[in-house]
Amino acid sequence: MVNIKFLRDFVDIIQKGLDLEETFDAVFDLLDKTVPFDSATLYLYHKETNQLEMVHQKGDKIVDLIGEIPFDRGRGISGWVSKQKKPVILPSLTRARPGKERRFSSFVSLPLWVGEKLVGVLNMGHKEPDVYKRIEIEDYKILSSQISIFLEKILVKSQLQQQNELLKKALN
């Protein structure tokens, strides 16, 4: 079961005034305490290019499946999941495809949407099967929406800081 009591800790991260990389580290550390994973990967959506870009990873493996298959917003399942409005949960990936090692036995992908705006995709993988259960879909929807809102706030804050720096330079 997903533990969603950590949501109040997001506010603490925002208030620390960390840079983006430190913020992503803090979010993944917090996520690691609430949802079990061996590896997790965050992809952010860039409207200008209509593509997802991997921006942060925790663990030794990039978490994405079918990376060789292209979709509208990028390769792999993240490109497909980005068009969904609900989490994709694969509880048991017990067989490897020929030529592909079995990296994860359980997988969840959270499309990160704020209203009609795509923020990105968060994938988590675990070596054990049945870590992520379809019966917990509502918990993953809540987690997805909270992370989406948090990331949008962080990204807007980062853009404002960059614009302020440019403005300061222009005025000097």
Protein backbone atom coordinates (compact mmCIF):
# COMPACT_ATOMS: atom_id res chain seq x y z
CA MET A 1 0.00 0.00 0.00
CA VAL A 2 1.23 3.47 -0.85
CA ASN A 3 1.82 5.63 2.21
CA ILE A 4 0.54 9.12 1.33
CA LYS A 5 1.17 10.70 4.74
CA PHE A 6 4.40 12.17 3.44
CA LEU A 7 2.60 14.84 1.41
CA ARG A 8 3.10 17.50 4.07
CA ASP A 9 6.87 17.00 3.69
CA PHE A 10 6.64 18.40 0.14
CA VAL A 11 5.99 21.83 1.62
CA ASP A 12 9.20 21.58 3.65
CA ILE A 13 11.17 20.83 0.48
CA ILE A 14 9.69 23.85 -1.32
CA GLN A 15 10.53 26.15 1.57
CA LYS A 16 14.19 25.10 1.68
CA GLY A 17 14.95 27.01 -1.53
CA LEU A 18 17.04 24.24 -3.07
CA ASP A 19 18.18 24.25 -6.68
CA LEU A 20 16.44 21.84 -9.09
CA GLU A 21 18.92 18.98 -8.70
CA GLU A 22 18.82 19.19 -4.91
CA THR A 23 15.01 19.39 -5.03
CA PHE A 24 14.78 16.28 -7.20
CA ASP A 25 17.15 14.47 -4.80
CA ALA A 26 14.98 15.50 -1.84
CA VAL A 27 11.79 14.38 -3.62
CA PHE A 28 13.29 10.99 -4.51
CA ASP A 29 14.55 10.55 -0.94
CA LEU A 30 11.06 11.29 0.34
CA LEU A 31 9.49 9.01 -2.26
CA ASP A 32 11.92 6.24 -1.30
CA LYS A 33 10.57 6.36 2.27
CA THR A 34 6.96 5.96 1.12
CA VAL A 35 6.92 3.78 -2.00
CA PRO A 36 9.33 0.88 -2.30
CA PHE A 37 11.54 0.95 -5.38
CA ASP A 38 14.97 -0.21 -6.46
CA SER A 39 15.22 2.45 -9.16
CA ALA A 40 13.10 5.45 -10.13
CA THR A 41 13.32 7.81 -13.10
CA LEU A 42 11.69 11.20 -13.64
CA TYR A 43 10.94 12.48 -17.14
CA LEU A 44 9.80 16.07 -17.64
CA TYR A 45 7.75 17.20 -20.61
CA HIS A 46 8.98 20.04 -22.83
CA LYS A 47 6.11 21.67 -24.68
CA GLU A 48 8.43 23.31 -27.25
CA THR A 49 9.72 19.96 -28.48
CA ASN A 50 6.70 17.83 -27.46
CA GLN A 51 9.18 15.40 -25.91
CA LEU A 52 9.92 13.89 -22.53
CA GLU A 53 13.43 14.30 -21.19
CA MET A 54 14.94 12.22 -18.42
CA VAL A 55 15.96 14.70 -15.72
CA HIS A 56 16.58 12.62 -12.62
CA GLN A 57 17.23 9.05 -11.57
CA LYS A 58 17.70 7.19 -8.32
CA GLY A 59 19.03 3.67 -8.34
CA ASP A 60 21.41 2.01 -10.75
CA LYS A 61 19.00 1.54 -13.68
CA ILE A 62 16.91 3.86 -15.82
CA VAL A 63 13.31 2.83 -15.29
CA ASP A 64 11.53 2.52 -18.60
CA LEU A 65 10.23 -0.42 -20.55
CA ILE A 66 10.25 -1.05 -24.29
CA GLY A 67 12.83 1.69 -24.81
CA GLU A 68 13.33 0.69 -28.42
CA ILE A 69 9.75 1.60 -29.37
CA PRO A 70 9.11 5.25 -30.31
CA PHE A 71 5.94 7.07 -29.27
CA ASP A 72 4.83 10.64 -29.93
CA ARG A 73 6.56 12.09 -26.87
CA GLY A 74 9.62 9.87 -26.75
CA ARG A 75 10.85 6.32 -26.68
CA GLY A 76 9.71 3.70 -24.23
CA ILE A 77 6.65 3.26 -22.14
CA SER A 78 7.03 6.77 -20.72
CA GLY A 79 6.13 8.20 -24.12
CA TRP A 80 2.95 6.14 -24.15
CA VAL A 81 2.07 6.70 -20.48
CA SER A 82 2.37 10.46 -20.96
CA LYS A 83 -0.92 10.37 -22.86
CA GLN A 84 -2.71 8.52 -20.08
CA LYS A 85 -4.56 10.13 -17.21
CA LYS A 86 -4.05 7.27 -14.76
CA PRO A 87 -1.10 5.25 -13.46
CA VAL A 88 0.02 2.13 -15.29
CA ILE A 89 0.79 -0.72 -12.91
CA LEU A 90 2.51 -3.92 -14.01
CA PRO A 91 2.63 -6.02 -10.84
CA SER A 92 4.58 -8.97 -12.19
CA LEU A 93 7.07 -8.91 -15.04
CA THR A 94 8.33 -12.44 -14.57
CA ARG A 95 9.59 -13.19 -18.07
CA ALA A 96 12.32 -11.33 -19.91
CA ARG A 97 11.98 -10.75 -23.62
CA PRO A 98 14.61 -12.44 -25.79
CA GLY A 99 17.76 -10.35 -25.81
CA LYS A 100 16.57 -8.24 -22.86
CA GLU A 101 17.68 -8.80 -19.28
CA ARG A 102 15.03 -8.79 -16.59
CA ARG A 103 15.69 -5.55 -14.75
CA PHE A 104 12.44 -5.22 -12.83
CA SER A 105 9.81 -7.66 -11.69
CA SER A 106 7.30 -4.98 -10.69
CA PHE A 107 6.75 -1.62 -12.40
CA VAL A 108 4.57 1.47 -11.96
CA SER A 109 4.44 4.54 -14.16
CA LEU A 110 2.76 7.73 -13.01
CA PRO A 111 1.67 10.24 -15.65
CA LEU A 112 2.10 13.67 -14.10
CA TRP A 113 -0.74 15.98 -15.16
CA VAL A 114 -2.00 19.24 -13.67
CA GLY A 115 -5.42 19.77 -15.22
CA GLU A 116 -4.83 19.57 -18.99
CA LYS A 117 -1.10 20.30 -18.68
CA LEU A 118 1.41 17.46 -18.88
CA VAL A 119 4.29 17.88 -16.43
CA GLY A 120 6.05 14.56 -17.00
CA VAL A 121 6.19 10.89 -16.08
CA LEU A 122 7.61 9.16 -13.02
CA ASN A 123 8.57 5.49 -13.32
CA MET A 124 9.47 3.16 -10.47
CA GLY A 125 10.77 -0.37 -10.70
CA HIS A 126 11.34 -3.08 -8.13
CA LYS A 127 13.24 -6.35 -8.41
CA GLU A 128 10.53 -8.22 -6.51
CA PRO A 129 7.21 -9.11 -8.18
CA ASP A 130 3.87 -7.81 -6.88
CA VAL A 131 5.31 -4.78 -5.09
CA TYR A 132 2.94 -2.54 -7.04
CA LYS A 133 -0.64 -3.76 -7.02
CA ARG A 134 -3.50 -2.74 -9.30
CA ILE A 135 -5.82 -2.68 -6.31
CA GLU A 136 -3.86 0.38 -5.09
CA ILE A 137 -4.64 2.41 -8.23
CA GLU A 138 -6.47 5.11 -6.24
CA ASP A 139 -3.45 5.63 -3.98
CA TYR A 140 -1.21 5.93 -7.04
CA LYS A 141 -3.62 8.45 -8.59
CA ILE A 142 -3.37 10.58 -5.42
CA LEU A 143 0.41 10.24 -5.38
CA SER A 144 0.58 11.17 -9.07
CA SER A 145 -1.57 14.27 -8.64
CA GLN A 146 0.35 15.49 -5.60
CA ILE A 147 3.74 14.99 -7.25
CA SER A 148 2.42 16.73 -10.39
CA ILE A 149 1.31 19.81 -8.47
CA PHE A 150 4.55 19.86 -6.48
CA LEU A 151 6.75 19.58 -9.58
CA GLU A 152 4.80 22.25 -11.44
CA LYS A 153 5.29 24.61 -8.49
CA ILE A 154 9.01 23.85 -8.34
CA LEU A 155 9.44 24.32 -12.10
CA VAL A 156 7.56 27.64 -12.09
CA LYS A 157 9.67 28.80 -9.16
CA SER A 158 12.85 27.82 -11.01
CA GLN A 159 11.74 29.65 -14.17
CA LEU A 160 10.98 32.79 -12.14
CA GLN A 161 14.40 32.65 -10.52
CA GLN A 162 16.06 32.35 -13.94
CA GLN A 163 14.02 35.25 -15.31
CA ASN A 164 14.89 37.37 -12.27
CA GLU A 165 18.60 36.66 -12.80
CA LEU A 166 18.32 37.66 -16.46
CA LEU A 167 16.48 40.82 -15.50
CA LYS A 168 19.13 41.72 -12.93
CA LYS A 169 21.87 41.23 -15.51
CA ALA A 170 19.99 43.33 -18.07
CA LEU A 171 19.50 46.15 -15.58
CA ASN A 172 23.19 46.28 -14.59
